[in-house]
């Protein structure tokens, strides 16, 4: 039996950074570039936020100069790629971390922030978030964004699973992907 081989992407670039701060700095630069391009092409920028220590460092950089004034915050819409099934003020909440390190430092309108409402029962939180994504991206049930779209592409099924690191917690996860050549992205660092 032969093993399938994958051809390397022609535009793939692998960089090794010395530490989390260097990764976060480069990620912030890429986000600012992607945001400017998305707004020029589509009039808005959508991004899926993640939890963890590296994103926390990244969000703090985006909320501070010089990145803060370079970002088109008035045309940016925040989504979440995953969330633990805890209230939004819980120390384990990805939303809380993003709020403390980024959102609270900006002047975003409520309709620019699309969080997963994990204070609700887990099934309702997943269904409501899936509907929020469908409504925002104007998708019919079962429809995915067109592959030529430069908006954020979502695999539209919100699912629930138990976290192996914290078995008492449930995590809501929305599978997302970045389209090749897209002016908008999901960045999981």
N, C-alpha and C. Protein backbone atom coordinates (compact mmCIF):
# COMPACT_ATOMS: atom_id res chain seq x y z
N UNK A 1 0.85 -1.18 0.00
CA UNK A 1 0.00 0.00 0.00
C UNK A 1 0.89 1.24 0.00
N UNK A 2 0.61 2.14 -0.88
CA UNK A 2 1.42 3.36 -0.95
C UNK A 2 0.82 4.45 -0.06
N UNK A 3 1.68 5.30 0.42
CA UNK A 3 1.26 6.42 1.26
C UNK A 3 1.04 7.63 0.38
N UNK A 4 -0.11 8.31 0.54
CA UNK A 4 -0.33 9.50 -0.28
C UNK A 4 0.70 10.58 0.06
N UNK A 5 1.12 11.28 -0.96
CA UNK A 5 2.06 12.37 -0.73
C UNK A 5 1.35 13.69 -0.97
N UNK A 6 1.77 14.67 -0.23
CA UNK A 6 1.22 16.01 -0.39
C UNK A 6 2.26 16.89 -1.04
N UNK A 7 1.82 17.64 -2.01
CA UNK A 7 2.71 18.61 -2.64
C UNK A 7 2.75 19.85 -1.76
N UNK A 8 3.93 20.39 -1.53
CA UNK A 8 4.01 21.61 -0.73
C UNK A 8 3.33 22.77 -1.46
N UNK A 9 2.67 23.60 -0.70
CA UNK A 9 2.04 24.79 -1.28
C UNK A 9 3.13 25.71 -1.82
N UNK A 10 2.90 26.23 -3.00
CA UNK A 10 3.90 27.08 -3.66
C UNK A 10 4.18 28.34 -2.85
N UNK A 11 3.18 28.83 -2.13
CA UNK A 11 3.37 30.08 -1.40
C UNK A 11 3.59 29.85 0.10
N UNK A 12 3.88 28.63 0.50
CA UNK A 12 4.09 28.33 1.91
C UNK A 12 5.45 28.86 2.37
N UNK A 13 5.43 29.45 3.52
CA UNK A 13 6.65 29.98 4.11
C UNK A 13 6.67 29.58 5.57
N UNK A 14 7.73 28.95 5.98
CA UNK A 14 7.85 28.53 7.37
C UNK A 14 8.88 29.43 8.04
N UNK A 15 8.48 30.02 9.16
CA UNK A 15 9.38 30.87 9.92
C UNK A 15 9.46 30.35 11.34
N UNK A 16 10.61 30.42 11.91
CA UNK A 16 10.81 30.02 13.29
C UNK A 16 11.12 31.28 14.09
N UNK A 17 10.34 31.49 15.15
CA UNK A 17 10.50 32.68 15.98
C UNK A 17 11.13 32.29 17.31
N UNK A 18 11.89 33.20 17.89
CA UNK A 18 12.61 32.87 19.13
C UNK A 18 11.71 32.72 20.35
N UNK A 19 10.55 33.38 20.35
CA UNK A 19 9.69 33.31 21.54
C UNK A 19 8.27 33.76 21.20
N UNK A 20 7.39 33.67 22.19
CA UNK A 20 5.97 34.02 22.02
C UNK A 20 5.82 35.49 21.62
N UNK A 21 6.61 36.36 22.18
CA UNK A 21 6.50 37.79 21.84
C UNK A 21 6.81 38.05 20.37
N UNK A 22 7.80 37.35 19.84
CA UNK A 22 8.13 37.52 18.42
C UNK A 22 7.02 36.97 17.53
N UNK A 23 6.42 35.84 17.94
CA UNK A 23 5.29 35.28 17.18
C UNK A 23 4.13 36.26 17.20
N UNK A 24 3.81 36.77 18.36
CA UNK A 24 2.68 37.70 18.50
C UNK A 24 2.92 38.97 17.70
N UNK A 25 4.14 39.47 17.70
CA UNK A 25 4.45 40.69 16.94
C UNK A 25 4.23 40.46 15.45
N UNK A 26 4.72 39.34 14.94
CA UNK A 26 4.54 39.05 13.51
C UNK A 26 3.07 38.81 13.19
N UNK A 27 2.37 38.12 14.08
CA UNK A 27 0.93 37.89 13.86
C UNK A 27 0.17 39.21 13.83
N UNK A 28 0.52 40.14 14.70
CA UNK A 28 -0.14 41.45 14.71
C UNK A 28 0.09 42.17 13.39
N UNK A 29 1.30 42.11 12.87
CA UNK A 29 1.60 42.74 11.58
C UNK A 29 0.77 42.11 10.46
N UNK A 30 0.66 40.79 10.47
CA UNK A 30 -0.13 40.10 9.44
C UNK A 30 -1.61 40.44 9.54
N UNK A 31 -2.11 40.55 10.75
CA UNK A 31 -3.52 40.90 10.94
C UNK A 31 -3.78 42.32 10.44
N UNK A 32 -2.92 43.25 10.76
CA UNK A 32 -3.09 44.63 10.29
C UNK A 32 -3.08 44.66 8.75
N UNK A 33 -2.16 43.93 8.13
CA UNK A 33 -2.11 43.86 6.66
C UNK A 33 -3.38 43.23 6.10
N UNK A 34 -3.81 42.12 6.68
CA UNK A 34 -5.03 41.43 6.22
C UNK A 34 -6.25 42.31 6.37
N UNK A 35 -6.33 43.02 7.49
CA UNK A 35 -7.47 43.90 7.75
C UNK A 35 -7.55 45.01 6.71
N UNK A 36 -6.43 45.63 6.43
CA UNK A 36 -6.41 46.71 5.43
C UNK A 36 -6.84 46.19 4.06
N UNK A 37 -6.35 45.03 3.69
CA UNK A 37 -6.71 44.43 2.41
C UNK A 37 -8.19 44.06 2.35
N UNK A 38 -8.70 43.46 3.42
CA UNK A 38 -10.11 43.05 3.46
C UNK A 38 -11.03 44.26 3.37
N UNK A 39 -10.71 45.31 4.08
CA UNK A 39 -11.55 46.52 4.06
C UNK A 39 -11.50 47.15 2.67
N UNK A 40 -10.33 47.17 2.05
CA UNK A 40 -10.22 47.73 0.69
C UNK A 40 -11.05 46.92 -0.30
N UNK A 41 -11.08 45.60 -0.15
CA UNK A 41 -11.79 44.74 -1.09
C UNK A 41 -13.28 44.59 -0.77
N UNK A 42 -13.63 44.54 0.54
CA UNK A 42 -14.99 44.17 0.95
C UNK A 42 -15.68 45.16 1.87
N UNK A 43 -14.95 46.14 2.35
CA UNK A 43 -15.54 47.10 3.26
C UNK A 43 -15.61 46.65 4.70
N UNK A 44 -15.07 45.44 5.00
CA UNK A 44 -15.06 44.96 6.38
C UNK A 44 -13.98 43.89 6.53
N UNK A 45 -13.62 43.64 7.80
CA UNK A 45 -12.64 42.61 8.15
C UNK A 45 -13.26 41.75 9.23
N UNK A 46 -13.24 40.43 9.02
CA UNK A 46 -13.74 39.50 10.02
C UNK A 46 -12.59 38.62 10.49
N UNK A 47 -12.56 38.36 11.79
CA UNK A 47 -11.49 37.52 12.34
C UNK A 47 -12.07 36.66 13.46
N UNK A 48 -11.58 35.44 13.54
CA UNK A 48 -11.96 34.51 14.59
C UNK A 48 -10.88 34.52 15.65
N UNK A 49 -11.25 34.86 16.86
CA UNK A 49 -10.30 34.92 17.97
C UNK A 49 -10.17 33.55 18.63
N UNK A 50 -9.02 33.30 19.20
CA UNK A 50 -8.74 32.05 19.90
C UNK A 50 -8.39 32.36 21.35
N UNK A 51 -8.35 31.33 22.17
CA UNK A 51 -7.93 31.49 23.55
C UNK A 51 -6.48 31.06 23.71
N UNK A 52 -5.94 31.30 24.88
CA UNK A 52 -4.58 30.85 25.16
C UNK A 52 -3.63 32.00 25.43
N UNK A 53 -2.41 31.66 25.84
CA UNK A 53 -1.45 32.69 26.22
C UNK A 53 -0.86 33.44 25.02
N UNK A 54 -0.62 32.74 23.92
CA UNK A 54 -0.07 33.44 22.75
C UNK A 54 -1.07 34.44 22.19
N UNK A 55 -2.34 34.04 21.99
CA UNK A 55 -3.31 35.05 21.53
C UNK A 55 -3.46 36.21 22.51
N UNK A 56 -3.37 35.95 23.80
CA UNK A 56 -3.48 37.03 24.78
C UNK A 56 -2.39 38.07 24.53
N UNK A 57 -1.18 37.63 24.28
CA UNK A 57 -0.08 38.54 23.98
C UNK A 57 -0.36 39.28 22.67
N UNK A 58 -0.86 38.56 21.68
CA UNK A 58 -1.21 39.17 20.40
C UNK A 58 -2.28 40.23 20.57
N UNK A 59 -3.34 39.92 21.31
CA UNK A 59 -4.44 40.88 21.49
C UNK A 59 -3.98 42.14 22.19
N UNK A 60 -3.09 41.99 23.15
CA UNK A 60 -2.54 43.17 23.84
C UNK A 60 -1.76 44.04 22.86
N UNK A 61 -1.03 43.42 21.95
CA UNK A 61 -0.29 44.19 20.94
C UNK A 61 -1.25 44.92 20.00
N UNK A 62 -2.32 44.24 19.57
CA UNK A 62 -3.28 44.87 18.66
C UNK A 62 -4.00 46.05 19.30
N UNK A 63 -4.17 45.99 20.62
CA UNK A 63 -4.87 47.06 21.34
C UNK A 63 -3.96 48.24 21.66
N UNK A 64 -2.67 48.09 21.41
CA UNK A 64 -1.70 49.14 21.73
C UNK A 64 -1.09 49.70 20.44
N UNK A 65 -0.48 50.86 20.57
CA UNK A 65 0.23 51.45 19.44
C UNK A 65 1.51 50.67 19.18
N UNK A 66 1.93 50.55 17.93
CA UNK A 66 1.44 51.25 16.76
C UNK A 66 0.28 50.54 16.04
N UNK A 67 -0.05 49.30 16.44
CA UNK A 67 -1.06 48.52 15.71
C UNK A 67 -2.47 49.07 15.87
N UNK A 68 -2.77 49.58 17.03
CA UNK A 68 -4.14 50.06 17.30
C UNK A 68 -4.60 51.08 16.27
N UNK A 69 -3.77 52.05 15.99
CA UNK A 69 -4.17 53.11 15.04
C UNK A 69 -4.10 52.66 13.59
N UNK A 70 -3.44 51.54 13.32
CA UNK A 70 -3.36 51.02 11.95
C UNK A 70 -4.54 50.11 11.61
N UNK A 71 -5.22 49.61 12.64
CA UNK A 71 -6.34 48.68 12.41
C UNK A 71 -7.62 49.44 12.09
N UNK A 72 -8.40 48.97 11.13
CA UNK A 72 -9.70 49.58 10.83
C UNK A 72 -10.76 49.05 11.80
N UNK A 73 -10.65 49.40 13.06
CA UNK A 73 -11.51 48.83 14.10
C UNK A 73 -12.99 49.10 13.82
N UNK A 74 -13.31 50.22 13.20
CA UNK A 74 -14.71 50.52 12.93
C UNK A 74 -15.32 49.60 11.87
N UNK A 75 -14.47 48.85 11.16
CA UNK A 75 -14.94 47.93 10.13
C UNK A 75 -14.52 46.49 10.43
N UNK A 76 -14.16 46.22 11.68
CA UNK A 76 -13.70 44.90 12.10
C UNK A 76 -14.77 44.20 12.91
N UNK A 77 -14.97 42.92 12.64
CA UNK A 77 -15.96 42.10 13.34
C UNK A 77 -15.25 40.91 13.96
N UNK A 78 -15.45 40.76 15.26
CA UNK A 78 -14.78 39.71 16.01
C UNK A 78 -15.69 38.52 16.22
N UNK A 79 -15.15 37.33 15.97
CA UNK A 79 -15.83 36.06 16.20
C UNK A 79 -14.93 35.21 17.07
N UNK A 80 -15.43 34.10 17.53
CA UNK A 80 -14.65 33.20 18.37
C UNK A 80 -14.63 31.81 17.75
N UNK A 81 -13.44 31.24 17.64
CA UNK A 81 -13.28 29.91 17.08
C UNK A 81 -13.63 28.82 18.07
N UNK A 82 -13.54 29.11 19.35
CA UNK A 82 -13.91 28.13 20.36
C UNK A 82 -14.15 28.84 21.68
N UNK A 83 -14.84 28.15 22.56
CA UNK A 83 -15.12 28.70 23.89
C UNK A 83 -15.43 27.56 24.85
N UNK A 84 -15.06 27.71 26.08
CA UNK A 84 -15.41 26.74 27.12
C UNK A 84 -16.83 27.03 27.58
N UNK A 85 -17.51 26.01 28.04
CA UNK A 85 -18.90 26.19 28.48
C UNK A 85 -18.91 26.72 29.91
N UNK A 86 -18.56 28.00 30.02
CA UNK A 86 -18.52 28.72 31.30
C UNK A 86 -19.09 30.11 31.07
N UNK A 87 -19.52 30.80 32.11
CA UNK A 87 -20.02 32.17 31.94
C UNK A 87 -18.92 33.10 31.39
N UNK A 88 -19.31 34.21 30.77
CA UNK A 88 -18.33 35.10 30.14
C UNK A 88 -17.36 35.77 31.11
N UNK A 89 -17.68 35.77 32.40
CA UNK A 89 -16.77 36.38 33.38
C UNK A 89 -15.92 35.34 34.11
N UNK A 90 -16.02 34.08 33.73
CA UNK A 90 -15.25 33.01 34.35
C UNK A 90 -13.78 33.12 33.93
N UNK A 91 -12.83 32.83 34.83
CA UNK A 91 -11.41 32.90 34.47
C UNK A 91 -11.02 31.99 33.31
N UNK A 92 -11.78 30.91 33.05
CA UNK A 92 -11.47 30.00 31.95
C UNK A 92 -12.09 30.43 30.62
N UNK A 93 -12.85 31.50 30.60
CA UNK A 93 -13.54 31.94 29.39
C UNK A 93 -12.58 32.61 28.41
N UNK A 94 -12.59 32.14 27.16
CA UNK A 94 -11.79 32.78 26.11
C UNK A 94 -12.31 34.19 25.84
N UNK A 95 -13.63 34.35 25.93
CA UNK A 95 -14.20 35.69 25.74
C UNK A 95 -13.65 36.65 26.80
N UNK A 96 -13.62 36.20 28.05
CA UNK A 96 -13.11 37.08 29.12
C UNK A 96 -11.67 37.50 28.82
N UNK A 97 -10.85 36.55 28.41
CA UNK A 97 -9.46 36.88 28.11
C UNK A 97 -9.39 37.89 26.96
N UNK A 98 -10.17 37.67 25.91
CA UNK A 98 -10.17 38.60 24.78
C UNK A 98 -10.72 39.97 25.19
N UNK A 99 -11.72 39.96 26.04
CA UNK A 99 -12.29 41.23 26.51
C UNK A 99 -11.26 42.02 27.31
N UNK A 100 -10.59 41.33 28.23
CA UNK A 100 -9.61 42.02 29.08
C UNK A 100 -8.39 42.49 28.31
N UNK A 101 -7.93 41.72 27.34
CA UNK A 101 -6.69 42.07 26.64
C UNK A 101 -6.90 42.89 25.38
N UNK A 102 -8.13 42.88 24.82
CA UNK A 102 -8.36 43.56 23.55
C UNK A 102 -9.65 44.39 23.54
N UNK A 103 -10.77 43.73 23.67
CA UNK A 103 -12.07 44.37 23.44
C UNK A 103 -12.30 45.57 24.34
N UNK A 104 -11.97 45.45 25.62
CA UNK A 104 -12.21 46.56 26.56
C UNK A 104 -11.35 47.79 26.26
N UNK A 105 -10.32 47.63 25.47
CA UNK A 105 -9.42 48.73 25.16
C UNK A 105 -9.80 49.45 23.85
N UNK A 106 -10.86 48.96 23.20
CA UNK A 106 -11.29 49.50 21.93
C UNK A 106 -12.70 50.09 22.05
N UNK A 107 -13.10 50.81 21.06
CA UNK A 107 -14.46 51.38 21.02
C UNK A 107 -15.28 50.65 19.98
N UNK A 108 -15.51 49.37 20.22
CA UNK A 108 -16.30 48.58 19.28
C UNK A 108 -17.77 48.65 19.65
N UNK A 109 -18.61 48.57 18.64
CA UNK A 109 -20.05 48.51 18.85
C UNK A 109 -20.43 47.07 19.19
N UNK A 110 -21.51 46.88 19.93
CA UNK A 110 -21.92 45.50 20.27
C UNK A 110 -22.09 44.58 19.06
N UNK A 111 -22.55 45.12 17.92
CA UNK A 111 -22.75 44.25 16.76
C UNK A 111 -21.44 43.84 16.07
N UNK A 112 -20.32 44.35 16.55
CA UNK A 112 -19.02 43.96 16.01
C UNK A 112 -18.43 42.78 16.78
N UNK A 113 -19.04 42.40 17.87
CA UNK A 113 -18.51 41.33 18.73
C UNK A 113 -19.51 40.18 18.72
N UNK A 114 -19.07 39.05 18.20
CA UNK A 114 -19.94 37.86 18.10
C UNK A 114 -19.35 36.77 18.99
N UNK A 115 -19.82 36.74 20.23
CA UNK A 115 -19.29 35.74 21.17
C UNK A 115 -20.25 34.56 21.27
N UNK A 116 -19.73 33.46 21.77
CA UNK A 116 -20.53 32.27 22.01
C UNK A 116 -21.12 32.42 23.42
N UNK A 117 -22.43 32.36 23.53
CA UNK A 117 -23.12 32.59 24.81
C UNK A 117 -23.16 31.32 25.65
N UNK A 118 -22.03 31.01 26.27
CA UNK A 118 -21.90 29.77 27.02
C UNK A 118 -22.54 29.81 28.40
N UNK A 119 -23.17 30.92 28.74
CA UNK A 119 -23.96 30.92 29.96
C UNK A 119 -25.28 30.19 29.73
N UNK A 120 -25.59 29.91 28.47
CA UNK A 120 -26.78 29.14 28.09
C UNK A 120 -26.45 27.65 28.10
N UNK A 121 -27.46 26.78 28.10
CA UNK A 121 -27.18 25.34 27.96
C UNK A 121 -26.33 25.09 26.70
N UNK A 122 -25.47 24.09 26.78
CA UNK A 122 -24.47 23.87 25.74
C UNK A 122 -25.08 23.72 24.35
N UNK A 123 -26.16 22.97 24.19
CA UNK A 123 -26.76 22.78 22.87
C UNK A 123 -27.32 24.10 22.33
N UNK A 124 -27.96 24.87 23.21
CA UNK A 124 -28.52 26.16 22.79
C UNK A 124 -27.39 27.12 22.40
N UNK A 125 -26.31 27.13 23.17
CA UNK A 125 -25.18 28.01 22.86
C UNK A 125 -24.62 27.68 21.47
N UNK A 126 -24.46 26.39 21.18
CA UNK A 126 -23.92 25.98 19.87
C UNK A 126 -24.89 26.34 18.75
N UNK A 127 -26.17 26.05 18.93
CA UNK A 127 -27.16 26.36 17.89
C UNK A 127 -27.27 27.87 17.66
N UNK A 128 -27.30 28.63 18.75
CA UNK A 128 -27.41 30.09 18.61
C UNK A 128 -26.20 30.68 17.90
N UNK A 129 -25.00 30.17 18.21
CA UNK A 129 -23.80 30.71 17.57
C UNK A 129 -23.77 30.35 16.09
N UNK A 130 -24.16 29.12 15.78
CA UNK A 130 -24.23 28.73 14.38
C UNK A 130 -25.20 29.65 13.63
N UNK A 131 -26.33 29.96 14.24
CA UNK A 131 -27.31 30.85 13.61
C UNK A 131 -26.74 32.27 13.46
N UNK A 132 -26.01 32.74 14.47
CA UNK A 132 -25.37 34.05 14.40
C UNK A 132 -24.42 34.11 13.21
N UNK A 133 -23.62 33.06 13.03
CA UNK A 133 -22.69 33.01 11.89
C UNK A 133 -23.44 33.00 10.56
N UNK A 134 -24.48 32.18 10.49
CA UNK A 134 -25.28 32.11 9.25
C UNK A 134 -25.91 33.46 8.92
N UNK A 135 -26.43 34.12 9.94
CA UNK A 135 -27.07 35.42 9.72
C UNK A 135 -26.04 36.46 9.28
N UNK A 136 -24.93 36.54 9.97
CA UNK A 136 -23.92 37.54 9.63
C UNK A 136 -23.40 37.33 8.21
N UNK A 137 -23.07 36.09 7.87
CA UNK A 137 -22.49 35.80 6.56
C UNK A 137 -23.55 35.51 5.49
N UNK A 138 -24.83 35.69 5.87
CA UNK A 138 -25.96 35.52 4.94
C UNK A 138 -25.94 34.16 4.25
N UNK A 139 -25.92 33.10 5.06
CA UNK A 139 -25.86 31.74 4.55
C UNK A 139 -27.14 30.98 4.89
N UNK A 140 -27.61 30.20 3.94
CA UNK A 140 -28.76 29.34 4.16
C UNK A 140 -28.30 28.08 4.91
N UNK A 141 -29.22 27.38 5.56
CA UNK A 141 -28.84 26.12 6.22
C UNK A 141 -28.14 25.19 5.22
N UNK A 142 -27.00 24.65 5.64
CA UNK A 142 -26.23 23.76 4.79
C UNK A 142 -25.30 24.46 3.82
N UNK A 143 -25.43 25.76 3.67
CA UNK A 143 -24.60 26.51 2.74
C UNK A 143 -23.32 26.96 3.43
N UNK A 144 -22.22 26.88 2.70
CA UNK A 144 -20.94 27.39 3.16
C UNK A 144 -20.58 28.59 2.31
N UNK A 145 -19.71 29.45 2.80
CA UNK A 145 -19.30 30.59 1.97
C UNK A 145 -18.69 30.11 0.66
N UNK A 146 -18.88 30.87 -0.40
CA UNK A 146 -18.32 30.52 -1.71
C UNK A 146 -16.80 30.53 -1.63
N UNK A 147 -16.17 29.62 -2.34
CA UNK A 147 -14.72 29.50 -2.27
C UNK A 147 -14.02 30.72 -2.85
N UNK A 148 -14.71 31.52 -3.62
CA UNK A 148 -14.08 32.72 -4.18
C UNK A 148 -14.28 33.93 -3.27
N UNK A 149 -15.04 33.76 -2.20
CA UNK A 149 -15.29 34.86 -1.29
C UNK A 149 -14.03 35.20 -0.51
N UNK A 150 -13.81 36.47 -0.26
CA UNK A 150 -12.66 36.84 0.57
C UNK A 150 -13.10 37.12 2.00
N UNK A 151 -14.34 36.74 2.33
CA UNK A 151 -14.77 36.81 3.72
C UNK A 151 -14.30 35.56 4.44
N UNK A 152 -14.33 35.61 5.72
CA UNK A 152 -13.92 34.49 6.54
C UNK A 152 -14.76 33.27 6.20
N UNK A 153 -14.13 32.17 5.94
CA UNK A 153 -14.83 30.93 5.60
C UNK A 153 -15.01 30.10 6.86
N UNK A 154 -16.21 29.72 7.13
CA UNK A 154 -16.51 28.92 8.33
C UNK A 154 -17.04 27.56 7.92
N UNK A 155 -16.56 26.55 8.55
CA UNK A 155 -17.23 25.25 8.47
C UNK A 155 -18.37 25.42 9.46
N UNK A 156 -19.58 25.45 8.98
CA UNK A 156 -20.69 26.04 9.72
C UNK A 156 -21.34 25.17 10.79
N UNK A 157 -20.74 24.10 11.16
CA UNK A 157 -21.38 23.27 12.17
C UNK A 157 -20.75 23.54 13.53
N UNK A 158 -21.51 24.11 14.42
CA UNK A 158 -21.03 24.32 15.79
C UNK A 158 -21.21 23.01 16.53
N UNK A 159 -20.19 22.57 17.20
CA UNK A 159 -20.25 21.30 17.92
C UNK A 159 -19.79 21.48 19.35
N UNK A 160 -20.14 20.52 20.18
CA UNK A 160 -19.77 20.54 21.59
C UNK A 160 -18.90 19.32 21.87
N UNK A 161 -17.90 19.47 22.71
CA UNK A 161 -17.13 18.32 23.15
C UNK A 161 -16.53 18.61 24.51
N UNK A 162 -16.15 17.54 25.20
CA UNK A 162 -15.54 17.67 26.50
C UNK A 162 -14.05 17.94 26.32
N UNK A 163 -13.54 18.88 27.08
CA UNK A 163 -12.12 19.21 27.04
C UNK A 163 -11.34 18.16 27.82
N UNK A 164 -10.28 17.61 27.25
CA UNK A 164 -9.48 16.62 27.96
C UNK A 164 -8.65 17.26 29.06
N UNK A 165 -8.32 18.53 28.92
CA UNK A 165 -7.52 19.21 29.95
C UNK A 165 -8.37 19.62 31.15
N UNK A 166 -9.63 19.88 30.92
CA UNK A 166 -10.52 20.31 32.01
C UNK A 166 -11.83 19.55 31.83
N UNK A 167 -11.87 18.28 32.25
CA UNK A 167 -13.03 17.44 31.95
C UNK A 167 -14.35 17.96 32.53
N UNK A 168 -14.32 18.85 33.51
CA UNK A 168 -15.57 19.39 34.05
C UNK A 168 -16.16 20.45 33.12
N UNK A 169 -15.36 20.92 32.20
CA UNK A 169 -15.80 21.99 31.32
C UNK A 169 -16.15 21.42 29.95
N UNK A 170 -17.11 22.03 29.32
CA UNK A 170 -17.39 21.71 27.93
C UNK A 170 -16.83 22.85 27.11
N UNK A 171 -16.48 22.56 25.90
CA UNK A 171 -15.97 23.57 25.01
C UNK A 171 -16.89 23.64 23.80
N UNK A 172 -17.22 24.82 23.39
CA UNK A 172 -17.98 25.00 22.15
C UNK A 172 -16.94 25.32 21.09
N UNK A 173 -16.98 24.60 20.00
CA UNK A 173 -15.99 24.86 18.96
C UNK A 173 -16.69 25.06 17.64
N UNK A 174 -16.28 26.08 16.96
CA UNK A 174 -16.76 26.32 15.61
C UNK A 174 -15.55 26.12 14.71
N UNK A 175 -15.61 25.11 13.88
CA UNK A 175 -14.49 24.84 12.99
C UNK A 175 -14.40 25.97 11.98
N UNK A 176 -13.23 26.47 11.80
CA UNK A 176 -13.06 27.56 10.85
C UNK A 176 -11.78 27.36 10.06
N UNK A 177 -11.72 27.97 8.92
CA UNK A 177 -10.52 27.82 8.11
C UNK A 177 -10.26 29.12 7.37
N UNK A 178 -9.02 29.30 7.00
CA UNK A 178 -8.65 30.48 6.24
C UNK A 178 -8.55 30.07 4.78
N UNK A 179 -9.19 30.83 3.93
CA UNK A 179 -9.13 30.51 2.50
C UNK A 179 -7.80 30.96 1.94
N UNK A 180 -7.25 30.19 1.06
CA UNK A 180 -6.00 30.56 0.40
C UNK A 180 -6.24 31.84 -0.40
N UNK A 181 -5.40 32.79 -0.21
CA UNK A 181 -5.51 34.04 -0.93
C UNK A 181 -6.57 34.96 -0.36
N UNK A 182 -7.11 34.62 0.77
CA UNK A 182 -8.18 35.42 1.36
C UNK A 182 -7.63 36.69 1.96
N UNK A 183 -8.43 37.73 1.89
CA UNK A 183 -8.04 39.00 2.49
C UNK A 183 -8.46 39.05 3.95
N UNK A 184 -9.13 38.04 4.39
CA UNK A 184 -9.62 37.97 5.75
C UNK A 184 -9.20 36.62 6.29
N UNK A 185 -8.98 36.50 7.57
CA UNK A 185 -8.42 35.23 8.03
C UNK A 185 -8.87 34.84 9.42
N UNK A 186 -8.68 33.56 9.66
CA UNK A 186 -8.77 33.00 11.00
C UNK A 186 -7.34 32.78 11.42
N UNK A 187 -6.96 33.28 12.55
CA UNK A 187 -5.59 33.12 12.99
C UNK A 187 -5.58 32.38 14.30
N UNK A 188 -5.13 31.16 14.28
CA UNK A 188 -4.98 30.37 15.48
C UNK A 188 -3.49 30.24 15.73
N UNK A 189 -2.98 30.97 16.70
CA UNK A 189 -1.55 30.96 16.98
C UNK A 189 -1.29 30.28 18.30
